[in-house]
mmCIF file of all heavy atoms, coordinates in Angstrom:
data_MODEL
# 
_entry.id   MODEL 
# 
loop_
_atom_site.group_PDB 
_atom_site.id 
_atom_site.type_symbol 
_atom_site.label_atom_id 
_atom_site.label_alt_id 
_atom_site.label_comp_id 
_atom_site.label_asym_id 
_atom_site.label_entity_id 
_atom_site.label_seq_id 
_atom_site.pdbx_PDB_ins_code 
_atom_site.Cartn_x 
_atom_site.Cartn_y 
_atom_site.Cartn_z 
_atom_site.occupancy 
_atom_site.B_iso_or_equiv 
_atom_site.pdbx_formal_charge 
_atom_site.auth_seq_id 
_atom_site.auth_comp_id 
_atom_site.auth_asym_id 
_atom_site.auth_atom_id 
_atom_site.pdbx_PDB_model_num 
ATOM 1   N N   . MET A 1 1  ? -62.603 -34.047 -18.026 1.00 0.00 ? 1  MET A N   1 
ATOM 2   C CA  . MET A 1 1  ? -63.691 -34.822 -18.622 1.00 0.00 ? 1  MET A CA  1 
ATOM 3   C C   . MET A 1 1  ? -63.148 -35.959 -19.479 1.00 0.00 ? 1  MET A C   1 
ATOM 4   O O   . MET A 1 1  ? -63.655 -37.095 -19.438 1.00 0.00 ? 1  MET A O   1 
ATOM 5   C CB  . MET A 1 1  ? -64.580 -33.887 -19.447 1.00 0.00 ? 1  MET A CB  1 
ATOM 6   C CG  . MET A 1 1  ? -65.342 -32.872 -18.615 1.00 0.00 ? 1  MET A CG  1 
ATOM 7   S SD  . MET A 1 1  ? -66.002 -31.490 -19.600 1.00 0.00 ? 1  MET A SD  1 
ATOM 8   C CE  . MET A 1 1  ? -66.920 -32.356 -20.865 1.00 0.00 ? 1  MET A CE  1 
ATOM 9   N N   . ALA A 1 2  ? -62.116 -35.671 -20.280 1.00 0.00 ? 2  ALA A N   1 
ATOM 10  C CA  . ALA A 1 2  ? -61.546 -36.706 -21.143 1.00 0.00 ? 2  ALA A CA  1 
ATOM 11  C C   . ALA A 1 2  ? -60.893 -37.809 -20.320 1.00 0.00 ? 2  ALA A C   1 
ATOM 12  O O   . ALA A 1 2  ? -61.002 -39.005 -20.651 1.00 0.00 ? 2  ALA A O   1 
ATOM 13  C CB  . ALA A 1 2  ? -60.531 -36.073 -22.094 1.00 0.00 ? 2  ALA A CB  1 
ATOM 14  N N   . MET A 1 3  ? -60.235 -37.435 -19.232 1.00 0.00 ? 3  MET A N   1 
ATOM 15  C CA  . MET A 1 3  ? -59.532 -38.434 -18.425 1.00 0.00 ? 3  MET A CA  1 
ATOM 16  C C   . MET A 1 3  ? -60.493 -39.342 -17.676 1.00 0.00 ? 3  MET A C   1 
ATOM 17  O O   . MET A 1 3  ? -60.261 -40.563 -17.584 1.00 0.00 ? 3  MET A O   1 
ATOM 18  C CB  . MET A 1 3  ? -58.579 -37.738 -17.451 1.00 0.00 ? 3  MET A CB  1 
ATOM 19  C CG  . MET A 1 3  ? -57.337 -37.167 -18.112 1.00 0.00 ? 3  MET A CG  1 
ATOM 20  S SD  . MET A 1 3  ? -56.122 -36.509 -16.930 1.00 0.00 ? 3  MET A SD  1 
ATOM 21  C CE  . MET A 1 3  ? -55.588 -38.015 -16.095 1.00 0.00 ? 3  MET A CE  1 
ATOM 22  N N   . VAL A 1 4  ? -61.584 -38.778 -17.136 1.00 0.00 ? 4  VAL A N   1 
ATOM 23  C CA  . VAL A 1 4  ? -62.518 -39.637 -16.410 1.00 0.00 ? 4  VAL A CA  1 
ATOM 24  C C   . VAL A 1 4  ? -63.219 -40.585 -17.382 1.00 0.00 ? 4  VAL A C   1 
ATOM 25  O O   . VAL A 1 4  ? -63.478 -41.749 -17.055 1.00 0.00 ? 4  VAL A O   1 
ATOM 26  C CB  . VAL A 1 4  ? -63.528 -38.788 -15.601 1.00 0.00 ? 4  VAL A CB  1 
ATOM 27  C CG1 . VAL A 1 4  ? -64.493 -38.037 -16.489 1.00 0.00 ? 4  VAL A CG1 1 
ATOM 28  C CG2 . VAL A 1 4  ? -64.296 -39.667 -14.628 1.00 0.00 ? 4  VAL A CG2 1 
ATOM 29  N N   . ALA A 1 5  ? -63.512 -40.114 -18.616 1.00 0.00 ? 5  ALA A N   1 
ATOM 30  C CA  . ALA A 1 5  ? -64.117 -40.993 -19.611 1.00 0.00 ? 5  ALA A CA  1 
ATOM 31  C C   . ALA A 1 5  ? -63.123 -42.073 -20.050 1.00 0.00 ? 5  ALA A C   1 
ATOM 32  O O   . ALA A 1 5  ? -63.504 -43.247 -20.229 1.00 0.00 ? 5  ALA A O   1 
ATOM 33  C CB  . ALA A 1 5  ? -64.576 -40.172 -20.815 1.00 0.00 ? 5  ALA A CB  1 
ATOM 34  N N   . THR A 1 6  ? -61.858 -41.702 -20.210 1.00 0.00 ? 6  THR A N   1 
ATOM 35  C CA  . THR A 1 6  ? -60.830 -42.675 -20.594 1.00 0.00 ? 6  THR A CA  1 
ATOM 36  C C   . THR A 1 6  ? -60.633 -43.723 -19.503 1.00 0.00 ? 6  THR A C   1 
ATOM 37  O O   . THR A 1 6  ? -60.468 -44.923 -19.796 1.00 0.00 ? 6  THR A O   1 
ATOM 38  C CB  . THR A 1 6  ? -59.508 -41.948 -20.873 1.00 0.00 ? 6  THR A CB  1 
ATOM 39  O OG1 . THR A 1 6  ? -59.709 -40.996 -21.927 1.00 0.00 ? 6  THR A OG1 1 
ATOM 40  C CG2 . THR A 1 6  ? -58.417 -42.934 -21.269 1.00 0.00 ? 6  THR A CG2 1 
ATOM 41  N N   . TRP A 1 7  ? -60.617 -43.288 -18.264 1.00 0.00 ? 7  TRP A N   1 
ATOM 42  C CA  . TRP A 1 7  ? -60.477 -44.230 -17.146 1.00 0.00 ? 7  TRP A CA  1 
ATOM 43  C C   . TRP A 1 7  ? -61.582 -45.278 -17.181 1.00 0.00 ? 7  TRP A C   1 
ATOM 44  O O   . TRP A 1 7  ? -61.320 -46.484 -17.089 1.00 0.00 ? 7  TRP A O   1 
ATOM 45  C CB  . TRP A 1 7  ? -60.494 -43.450 -15.830 1.00 0.00 ? 7  TRP A CB  1 
ATOM 46  C CG  . TRP A 1 7  ? -60.426 -44.290 -14.589 1.00 0.00 ? 7  TRP A CG  1 
ATOM 47  C CD1 . TRP A 1 7  ? -59.779 -45.483 -14.448 1.00 0.00 ? 7  TRP A CD1 1 
ATOM 48  C CD2 . TRP A 1 7  ? -61.021 -44.006 -13.318 1.00 0.00 ? 7  TRP A CD2 1 
ATOM 49  N NE1 . TRP A 1 7  ? -59.936 -45.970 -13.156 1.00 0.00 ? 7  TRP A NE1 1 
ATOM 50  C CE2 . TRP A 1 7  ? -60.694 -45.076 -12.452 1.00 0.00 ? 7  TRP A CE2 1 
ATOM 51  C CE3 . TRP A 1 7  ? -61.777 -42.941 -12.834 1.00 0.00 ? 7  TRP A CE3 1 
ATOM 52  C CZ2 . TRP A 1 7  ? -61.117 -45.109 -11.131 1.00 0.00 ? 7  TRP A CZ2 1 
ATOM 53  C CZ3 . TRP A 1 7  ? -62.192 -42.979 -11.510 1.00 0.00 ? 7  TRP A CZ3 1 
ATOM 54  C CH2 . TRP A 1 7  ? -61.872 -44.051 -10.664 1.00 0.00 ? 7  TRP A CH2 1 
ATOM 55  N N   . CYS A 1 8  ? -62.825 -44.803 -17.313 1.00 0.00 ? 8  CYS A N   1 
ATOM 56  C CA  . CYS A 1 8  ? -63.960 -45.736 -17.292 1.00 0.00 ? 8  CYS A CA  1 
ATOM 57  C C   . CYS A 1 8  ? -63.994 -46.614 -18.541 1.00 0.00 ? 8  CYS A C   1 
ATOM 58  O O   . CYS A 1 8  ? -64.411 -47.778 -18.472 1.00 0.00 ? 8  CYS A O   1 
ATOM 59  C CB  . CYS A 1 8  ? -65.264 -44.949 -17.164 1.00 0.00 ? 8  CYS A CB  1 
ATOM 60  S SG  . CYS A 1 8  ? -65.449 -44.095 -15.585 1.00 0.00 ? 8  CYS A SG  1 
ATOM 61  N N   . GLN A 1 9  ? -63.561 -46.092 -19.669 1.00 0.00 ? 9  GLN A N   1 
ATOM 62  C CA  . GLN A 1 9  ? -63.583 -46.870 -20.906 1.00 0.00 ? 9  GLN A CA  1 
ATOM 63  C C   . GLN A 1 9  ? -62.426 -47.872 -20.962 1.00 0.00 ? 9  GLN A C   1 
ATOM 64  O O   . GLN A 1 9  ? -62.623 -49.044 -21.305 1.00 0.00 ? 9  GLN A O   1 
ATOM 65  C CB  . GLN A 1 9  ? -63.503 -45.919 -22.105 1.00 0.00 ? 9  GLN A CB  1 
ATOM 66  C CG  . GLN A 1 9  ? -63.480 -46.620 -23.466 1.00 0.00 ? 9  GLN A CG  1 
ATOM 67  C CD  . GLN A 1 9  ? -64.779 -47.351 -23.757 1.00 0.00 ? 9  GLN A CD  1 
ATOM 68  O OE1 . GLN A 1 9  ? -65.863 -46.824 -23.520 1.00 0.00 ? 9  GLN A OE1 1 
ATOM 69  N NE2 . GLN A 1 9  ? -64.680 -48.577 -24.267 1.00 0.00 ? 9  GLN A NE2 1 
ATOM 70  N N   . HIS A 1 10 ? -61.243 -47.434 -20.629 1.00 0.00 ? 10 HIS A N   1 
ATOM 71  C CA  . HIS A 1 10 ? -60.051 -48.273 -20.797 1.00 0.00 ? 10 HIS A CA  1 
ATOM 72  C C   . HIS A 1 10 ? -59.877 -49.293 -19.675 1.00 0.00 ? 10 HIS A C   1 
ATOM 73  O O   . HIS A 1 10 ? -59.540 -50.455 -19.925 1.00 0.00 ? 10 HIS A O   1 
ATOM 74  C CB  . HIS A 1 10 ? -58.815 -47.374 -20.884 1.00 0.00 ? 10 HIS A CB  1 
ATOM 75  C CG  . HIS A 1 10 ? -57.538 -48.127 -21.087 1.00 0.00 ? 10 HIS A CG  1 
ATOM 76  N ND1 . HIS A 1 10 ? -57.220 -48.750 -22.291 1.00 0.00 ? 10 HIS A ND1 1 
ATOM 77  C CD2 . HIS A 1 10 ? -56.484 -48.379 -20.254 1.00 0.00 ? 10 HIS A CD2 1 
ATOM 78  C CE1 . HIS A 1 10 ? -56.039 -49.336 -22.181 1.00 0.00 ? 10 HIS A CE1 1 
ATOM 79  N NE2 . HIS A 1 10 ? -55.566 -49.129 -20.953 1.00 0.00 ? 10 HIS A NE2 1 
ATOM 80  N N   . TRP A 1 11 ? -60.083 -48.862 -18.426 1.00 0.00 ? 11 TRP A N   1 
ATOM 81  C CA  . TRP A 1 11 ? -59.820 -49.742 -17.284 1.00 0.00 ? 11 TRP A CA  1 
ATOM 82  C C   . TRP A 1 11 ? -61.086 -50.347 -16.673 1.00 0.00 ? 11 TRP A C   1 
ATOM 83  O O   . TRP A 1 11 ? -61.007 -51.414 -16.058 1.00 0.00 ? 11 TRP A O   1 
ATOM 84  C CB  . TRP A 1 11 ? -59.068 -48.986 -16.197 1.00 0.00 ? 11 TRP A CB  1 
ATOM 85  C CG  . TRP A 1 11 ? -57.594 -48.903 -16.439 1.00 0.00 ? 11 TRP A CG  1 
ATOM 86  C CD1 . TRP A 1 11 ? -56.666 -49.898 -16.308 1.00 0.00 ? 11 TRP A CD1 1 
ATOM 87  C CD2 . TRP A 1 11 ? -56.859 -47.744 -16.852 1.00 0.00 ? 11 TRP A CD2 1 
ATOM 88  N NE1 . TRP A 1 11 ? -55.406 -49.436 -16.607 1.00 0.00 ? 11 TRP A NE1 1 
ATOM 89  C CE2 . TRP A 1 11 ? -55.491 -48.112 -16.940 1.00 0.00 ? 11 TRP A CE2 1 
ATOM 90  C CE3 . TRP A 1 11 ? -57.224 -46.429 -17.146 1.00 0.00 ? 11 TRP A CE3 1 
ATOM 91  C CZ2 . TRP A 1 11 ? -54.502 -47.226 -17.328 1.00 0.00 ? 11 TRP A CZ2 1 
ATOM 92  C CZ3 . TRP A 1 11 ? -56.231 -45.535 -17.521 1.00 0.00 ? 11 TRP A CZ3 1 
ATOM 93  C CH2 . TRP A 1 11 ? -54.886 -45.933 -17.615 1.00 0.00 ? 11 TRP A CH2 1 
ATOM 94  N N   . ARG A 1 12 ? -62.219 -49.691 -16.816 1.00 0.00 ? 12 ARG A N   1 
ATOM 95  C CA  . ARG A 1 12 ? -63.421 -50.155 -16.119 1.00 0.00 ? 12 ARG A CA  1 
ATOM 96  C C   . ARG A 1 12 ? -64.450 -50.794 -17.037 1.00 0.00 ? 12 ARG A C   1 
ATOM 97  O O   . ARG A 1 12 ? -65.564 -51.091 -16.616 1.00 0.00 ? 12 ARG A O   1 
ATOM 98  C CB  . ARG A 1 12 ? -64.071 -48.988 -15.372 1.00 0.00 ? 12 ARG A CB  1 
ATOM 99  C CG  . ARG A 1 12 ? -63.236 -48.384 -14.257 1.00 0.00 ? 12 ARG A CG  1 
ATOM 100 C CD  . ARG A 1 12 ? -63.087 -49.334 -13.091 1.00 0.00 ? 12 ARG A CD  1 
ATOM 101 N NE  . ARG A 1 12 ? -61.786 -49.988 -13.044 1.00 0.00 ? 12 ARG A NE  1 
ATOM 102 C CZ  . ARG A 1 12 ? -61.591 -51.226 -12.678 1.00 0.00 ? 12 ARG A CZ  1 
ATOM 103 N NH1 . ARG A 1 12 ? -62.596 -51.982 -12.348 1.00 0.00 ? 12 ARG A NH1 1 
ATOM 104 N NH2 . ARG A 1 12 ? -60.380 -51.737 -12.638 1.00 0.00 ? 12 ARG A NH2 1 
ATOM 105 N N   . GLY A 1 13 ? -64.135 -50.976 -18.312 1.00 0.00 ? 13 GLY A N   1 
ATOM 106 C CA  . GLY A 1 13 ? -65.000 -51.777 -19.181 1.00 0.00 ? 13 GLY A CA  1 
ATOM 107 C C   . GLY A 1 13 ? -65.969 -51.024 -20.054 1.00 0.00 ? 13 GLY A C   1 
ATOM 108 O O   . GLY A 1 13 ? -66.749 -51.644 -20.780 1.00 0.00 ? 13 GLY A O   1 
ATOM 109 N N   . GLY A 1 14 ? -65.988 -49.708 -20.009 1.00 0.00 ? 14 GLY A N   1 
ATOM 110 C CA  . GLY A 1 14 ? -66.873 -48.953 -20.888 1.00 0.00 ? 14 GLY A CA  1 
ATOM 111 C C   . GLY A 1 14 ? -68.207 -48.620 -20.249 1.00 0.00 ? 14 GLY A C   1 
ATOM 112 O O   . GLY A 1 14 ? -68.349 -48.609 -19.020 1.00 0.00 ? 14 GLY A O   1 
ATOM 113 N N   . PHE A 1 15 ? -69.217 -48.392 -21.093 1.00 0.00 ? 15 PHE A N   1 
ATOM 114 C CA  . PHE A 1 15 ? -70.493 -47.864 -20.626 1.00 0.00 ? 15 PHE A CA  1 
ATOM 115 C C   . PHE A 1 15 ? -71.658 -48.706 -21.146 1.00 0.00 ? 15 PHE A C   1 
ATOM 116 O O   . PHE A 1 15 ? -71.616 -49.256 -22.240 1.00 0.00 ? 15 PHE A O   1 
ATOM 117 C CB  . PHE A 1 15 ? -70.672 -46.412 -21.099 1.00 0.00 ? 15 PHE A CB  1 
ATOM 118 C CG  . PHE A 1 15 ? -69.555 -45.504 -20.678 1.00 0.00 ? 15 PHE A CG  1 
ATOM 119 C CD1 . PHE A 1 15 ? -68.458 -45.297 -21.504 1.00 0.00 ? 15 PHE A CD1 1 
ATOM 120 C CD2 . PHE A 1 15 ? -69.589 -44.859 -19.453 1.00 0.00 ? 15 PHE A CD2 1 
ATOM 121 C CE1 . PHE A 1 15 ? -67.419 -44.474 -21.124 1.00 0.00 ? 15 PHE A CE1 1 
ATOM 122 C CE2 . PHE A 1 15 ? -68.554 -44.028 -19.054 1.00 0.00 ? 15 PHE A CE2 1 
ATOM 123 C CZ  . PHE A 1 15 ? -67.466 -43.835 -19.900 1.00 0.00 ? 15 PHE A CZ  1 
ATOM 124 N N   . SER A 1 16 ? -72.695 -48.780 -20.315 1.00 0.00 ? 16 SER A N   1 
ATOM 125 C CA  . SER A 1 16 ? -73.903 -49.509 -20.680 1.00 0.00 ? 16 SER A CA  1 
ATOM 126 C C   . SER A 1 16 ? -75.039 -49.054 -19.776 1.00 0.00 ? 16 SER A C   1 
ATOM 127 O O   . SER A 1 16 ? -74.828 -48.277 -18.837 1.00 0.00 ? 16 SER A O   1 
ATOM 128 C CB  . SER A 1 16 ? -73.685 -51.026 -20.534 1.00 0.00 ? 16 SER A CB  1 
ATOM 129 O OG  . SER A 1 16 ? -74.872 -51.736 -20.830 1.00 0.00 ? 16 SER A OG  1 
ATOM 130 N N   . LEU A 1 17 ? -76.244 -49.526 -20.077 1.00 0.00 ? 17 LEU A N   1 
ATOM 131 C CA  . LEU A 1 17 ? -77.421 -49.222 -19.258 1.00 0.00 ? 17 LEU A CA  1 
ATOM 132 C C   . LEU A 1 17 ? -78.062 -50.502 -18.730 1.00 0.00 ? 17 LEU A C   1 
ATOM 133 O O   . LEU A 1 17 ? -79.253 -50.525 -18.421 1.00 0.00 ? 17 LEU A O   1 
ATOM 134 C CB  . LEU A 1 17 ? -78.449 -48.429 -20.072 1.00 0.00 ? 17 LEU A CB  1 
ATOM 135 C CG  . LEU A 1 17 ? -77.995 -47.069 -20.596 1.00 0.00 ? 17 LEU A CG  1 
ATOM 136 C CD1 . LEU A 1 17 ? -79.079 -46.444 -21.484 1.00 0.00 ? 17 LEU A CD1 1 
ATOM 137 C CD2 . LEU A 1 17 ? -77.667 -46.137 -19.440 1.00 0.00 ? 17 LEU A CD2 1 
ATOM 138 N N   . ASP A 1 18 ? -77.259 -51.564 -18.602 1.00 0.00 ? 18 ASP A N   1 
ATOM 139 C CA  . ASP A 1 18 ? -77.798 -52.876 -18.224 1.00 0.00 ? 18 ASP A CA  1 
ATOM 140 C C   . ASP A 1 18 ? -77.749 -53.133 -16.724 1.00 0.00 ? 18 ASP A C   1 
ATOM 141 O O   . ASP A 1 18 ? -78.054 -54.235 -16.271 1.00 0.00 ? 18 ASP A O   1 
ATOM 142 C CB  . ASP A 1 18 ? -77.044 -53.983 -18.973 1.00 0.00 ? 18 ASP A CB  1 
ATOM 143 C CG  . ASP A 1 18 ? -75.539 -53.962 -18.710 1.00 0.00 ? 18 ASP A CG  1 
ATOM 144 O OD1 . ASP A 1 18 ? -75.086 -53.092 -17.930 1.00 0.00 ? 18 ASP A OD1 1 
ATOM 145 O OD2 . ASP A 1 18 ? -74.811 -54.795 -19.300 1.00 0.00 ? 18 ASP A OD2 1 
ATOM 146 N N   . GLY A 1 19 ? -77.348 -52.148 -15.924 1.00 0.00 ? 19 GLY A N   1 
ATOM 147 C CA  . GLY A 1 19 ? -77.288 -52.332 -14.483 1.00 0.00 ? 19 GLY A CA  1 
ATOM 148 C C   . GLY A 1 19 ? -75.985 -52.927 -13.974 1.00 0.00 ? 19 GLY A C   1 
ATOM 149 O O   . GLY A 1 19 ? -75.829 -53.116 -12.759 1.00 0.00 ? 19 GLY A O   1 
ATOM 150 N N   . SER A 1 20 ? -75.045 -53.191 -14.872 1.00 0.00 ? 20 SER A N   1 
ATOM 151 C CA  . SER A 1 20 ? -73.759 -53.769 -14.475 1.00 0.00 ? 20 SER A CA  1 
ATOM 152 C C   . SER A 1 20 ? -72.797 -52.653 -14.064 1.00 0.00 ? 20 SER A C   1 
ATOM 153 O O   . SER A 1 20 ? -73.178 -51.486 -13.931 1.00 0.00 ? 20 SER A O   1 
ATOM 154 C CB  . SER A 1 20 ? -73.171 -54.571 -15.640 1.00 0.00 ? 20 SER A CB  1 
ATOM 155 O OG  . SER A 1 20 ? -72.856 -53.706 -16.720 1.00 0.00 ? 20 SER A OG  1 
ATOM 156 N N   . THR A 1 21 ? -71.534 -53.043 -13.864 1.00 0.00 ? 21 THR A N   1 
ATOM 157 C CA  . THR A 1 21 ? -70.525 -52.033 -13.523 1.00 0.00 ? 21 THR A CA  1 
ATOM 158 C C   . THR A 1 21 ? -70.374 -51.008 -14.638 1.00 0.00 ? 21 THR A C   1 
ATOM 159 O O   . THR A 1 21 ? -69.948 -49.876 -14.379 1.00 0.00 ? 21 THR A O   1 
ATOM 160 C CB  . THR A 1 21 ? -69.173 -52.710 -13.263 1.00 0.00 ? 21 THR A CB  1 
ATOM 161 O OG1 . THR A 1 21 ? -68.806 -53.503 -14.406 1.00 0.00 ? 21 THR A OG1 1 
ATOM 162 C CG2 . THR A 1 21 ? -69.246 -53.610 -12.046 1.00 0.00 ? 21 THR A CG2 1 
ATOM 163 N N   . ARG A 1 22 ? -70.718 -51.378 -15.859 1.00 0.00 ? 22 ARG A N   1 
ATOM 164 C CA  . ARG A 1 22 ? -70.650 -50.414 -16.961 1.00 0.00 ? 22 ARG A CA  1 
ATOM 165 C C   . ARG A 1 22 ? -71.726 -49.349 -16.834 1.00 0.00 ? 22 ARG A C   1 
ATOM 166 O O   . ARG A 1 22 ? -71.567 -48.248 -17.360 1.00 0.00 ? 22 ARG A O   1 
ATOM 167 C CB  . ARG A 1 22 ? -70.761 -51.142 -18.299 1.00 0.00 ? 22 ARG A CB  1 
ATOM 168 C CG  . ARG A 1 22 ? -69.575 -52.058 -18.601 1.00 0.00 ? 22 ARG A CG  1 
ATOM 169 C CD  . ARG A 1 22 ? -69.666 -52.657 -19.982 1.00 0.00 ? 22 ARG A CD  1 
ATOM 170 N NE  . ARG A 1 22 ? -70.856 -53.492 -20.130 1.00 0.00 ? 22 ARG A NE  1 
ATOM 171 C CZ  . ARG A 1 22 ? -71.297 -53.958 -21.293 1.00 0.00 ? 22 ARG A CZ  1 
ATOM 172 N NH1 . ARG A 1 22 ? -70.649 -53.679 -22.414 1.00 0.00 ? 22 ARG A NH1 1 
ATOM 173 N NH2 . ARG A 1 22 ? -72.376 -54.724 -21.339 1.00 0.00 ? 22 ARG A NH2 1 
ATOM 174 N N   . THR A 1 23 ? -72.803 -49.669 -16.140 1.00 0.00 ? 23 THR A N   1 
ATOM 175 C CA  . THR A 1 23 ? -73.799 -48.636 -15.827 1.00 0.00 ? 23 THR A CA  1 
ATOM 176 C C   . THR A 1 23 ? -73.253 -47.681 -14.777 1.00 0.00 ? 23 THR A C   1 
ATOM 177 O O   . THR A 1 23 ? -73.445 -46.461 -14.872 1.00 0.00 ? 23 THR A O   1 
ATOM 178 C CB  . THR A 1 23 ? -75.093 -49.286 -15.313 1.00 0.00 ? 23 THR A CB  1 
ATOM 179 O OG1 . THR A 1 23 ? -75.632 -50.139 -16.331 1.00 0.00 ? 23 THR A OG1 1 
ATOM 180 C CG2 . THR A 1 23 ? -76.129 -48.225 -14.946 1.00 0.00 ? 23 THR A CG2 1 
ATOM 181 N N   . PHE A 1 24 ? -72.552 -48.237 -13.796 1.00 0.00 ? 24 PHE A N   1 
ATOM 182 C CA  . PHE A 1 24 ? -71.941 -47.380 -12.777 1.00 0.00 ? 24 PHE A CA  1 
ATOM 183 C C   . PHE A 1 24 ? -70.964 -46.383 -13.404 1.00 0.00 ? 24 PHE A C   1 
ATOM 184 O O   . PHE A 1 24 ? -70.802 -45.266 -12.903 1.00 0.00 ? 24 PHE A O   1 
ATOM 185 C CB  . PHE A 1 24 ? -71.202 -48.236 -11.745 1.00 0.00 ? 24 PHE A CB  1 
ATOM 186 C CG  . PHE A 1 24 ? -70.373 -47.431 -10.789 1.00 0.00 ? 24 PHE A CG  1 
ATOM 187 C CD1 . PHE A 1 24 ? -70.938 -46.897 -9.641  1.00 0.00 ? 24 PHE A CD1 1 
ATOM 188 C CD2 . PHE A 1 24 ? -69.022 -47.183 -11.045 1.00 0.00 ? 24 PHE A CD2 1 
ATOM 189 C CE1 . PHE A 1 24 ? -70.178 -46.137 -8.764  1.00 0.00 ? 24 PHE A CE1 1 
ATOM 190 C CE2 . PHE A 1 24 ? -68.260 -46.426 -10.172 1.00 0.00 ? 24 PHE A CE2 1 
ATOM 191 C CZ  . PHE A 1 24 ? -68.844 -45.903 -9.032  1.00 0.00 ? 24 PHE A CZ  1 
ATOM 192 N N   . ASN A 1 25 ? -70.292 -46.767 -14.471 1.00 0.00 ? 25 ASN A N   1 
ATOM 193 C CA  . ASN A 1 25 ? -69.276 -45.906 -15.066 1.00 0.00 ? 25 ASN A CA  1 
ATOM 194 C C   . ASN A 1 25 ? -69.832 -44.569 -15.547 1.00 0.00 ? 25 ASN A C   1 
ATOM 195 O O   . ASN A 1 25 ? -69.059 -43.607 -15.709 1.00 0.00 ? 25 ASN A O   1 
ATOM 196 C CB  . ASN A 1 25 ? -68.594 -46.627 -16.227 1.00 0.00 ? 25 ASN A CB  1 
ATOM 197 C CG  . ASN A 1 25 ? -67.685 -47.748 -15.754 1.00 0.00 ? 25 ASN A CG  1 
ATOM 198 O OD1 . ASN A 1 25 ? -67.286 -47.792 -14.597 1.00 0.00 ? 25 ASN A OD1 1 
ATOM 199 N ND2 . ASN A 1 25 ? -67.369 -48.672 -16.647 1.00 0.00 ? 25 ASN A ND2 1 
ATOM 200 N N   . TRP A 1 26 ? -71.126 -44.502 -15.790 1.00 0.00 ? 26 TRP A N   1 
ATOM 201 C CA  . TRP A 1 26 ? -71.719 -43.207 -16.134 1.00 0.00 ? 26 TRP A CA  1 
ATOM 202 C C   . TRP A 1 26 ? -71.656 -42.242 -14.955 1.00 0.00 ? 26 TRP A C   1 
ATOM 203 O O   . TRP A 1 26 ? -71.636 -41.028 -15.153 1.00 0.00 ? 26 TRP A O   1 
ATOM 204 C CB  . TRP A 1 26 ? -73.180 -43.387 -16.557 1.00 0.00 ? 26 TRP A CB  1 
ATOM 205 C CG  . TRP A 1 26 ? -73.357 -43.980 -17.918 1.00 0.00 ? 26 TRP A CG  1 
ATOM 206 C CD1 . TRP A 1 26 ? -73.787 -45.238 -18.209 1.00 0.00 ? 26 TRP A CD1 1 
ATOM 207 C CD2 . TRP A 1 26 ? -73.102 -43.339 -19.174 1.00 0.00 ? 26 TRP A CD2 1 
ATOM 208 N NE1 . TRP A 1 26 ? -73.828 -45.429 -19.574 1.00 0.00 ? 26 TRP A NE1 1 
ATOM 209 C CE2 . TRP A 1 26 ? -73.414 -44.273 -20.190 1.00 0.00 ? 26 TRP A CE2 1 
ATOM 210 C CE3 . TRP A 1 26 ? -72.647 -42.073 -19.541 1.00 0.00 ? 26 TRP A CE3 1 
ATOM 211 C CZ2 . TRP A 1 26 ? -73.279 -43.972 -21.541 1.00 0.00 ? 26 TRP A CZ2 1 
ATOM 212 C CZ3 . TRP A 1 26 ? -72.516 -41.776 -20.884 1.00 0.00 ? 26 TRP A CZ3 1 
ATOM 213 C CH2 . TRP A 1 26 ? -72.828 -42.714 -21.864 1.00 0.00 ? 26 TRP A CH2 1 
ATOM 214 N N   . HIS A 1 27 ? -71.636 -42.770 -13.746 1.00 0.00 ? 27 HIS A N   1 
ATOM 215 C CA  . HIS A 1 27 ? -71.688 -41.923 -12.551 1.00 0.00 ? 27 HIS A CA  1 
ATOM 216 C C   . HIS A 1 27 ? -70.495 -40.968 -12.451 1.00 0.00 ? 27 HIS A C   1 
ATOM 217 O O   . HIS A 1 27 ? -70.698 -39.746 -12.345 1.00 0.00 ? 27 HIS A O   1 
ATOM 218 C CB  . HIS A 1 27 ? -71.791 -42.812 -11.306 1.00 0.00 ? 27 HIS A CB  1 
ATOM 219 C CG  . HIS A 1 27 ? -71.726 -42.070 -10.011 1.00 0.00 ? 27 HIS A CG  1 
ATOM 220 N ND1 . HIS A 1 27 ? -72.739 -41.235 -9.576  1.00 0.00 ? 27 HIS A ND1 1 
ATOM 221 C CD2 . HIS A 1 27 ? -70.754 -42.033 -9.048  1.00 0.00 ? 27 HIS A CD2 1 
ATOM 222 C CE1 . HIS A 1 27 ? -72.400 -40.717 -8.414  1.00 0.00 ? 27 HIS A CE1 1 
ATOM 223 N NE2 . HIS A 1 27 ? -71.205 -41.173 -8.069  1.00 0.00 ? 27 HIS A NE2 1 
ATOM 224 N N   . PRO A 1 28 ? -69.258 -41.442 -12.478 1.00 0.00 ? 28 PRO A N   1 
ATOM 225 C CA  . PRO A 1 28 ? -68.152 -40.483 -12.378 1.00 0.00 ? 28 PRO A CA  1 
ATOM 226 C C   . PRO A 1 28 ? -68.075 -39.524 -13.552 1.00 0.00 ? 28 PRO A C   1 
ATOM 227 O O   . PRO A 1 28 ? -67.739 -38.343 -13.383 1.00 0.00 ? 28 PRO A O   1 
ATOM 228 C CB  . PRO A 1 28 ? -66.911 -41.383 -12.292 1.00 0.00 ? 28 PRO A CB  1 
ATOM 229 C CG  . PRO A 1 28 ? -67.339 -42.693 -12.834 1.00 0.00 ? 28 PRO A CG  1 
ATOM 230 C CD  . PRO A 1 28 ? -68.770 -42.838 -12.514 1.00 0.00 ? 28 PRO A CD  1 
# 
């Protein structure tokens, strides 16, 4: 769980609900 969150935060730009790639990051 920590690694998938770190991957999305550090390399994929973090999290958001605006429909961008940061919204996708919630998926994994």
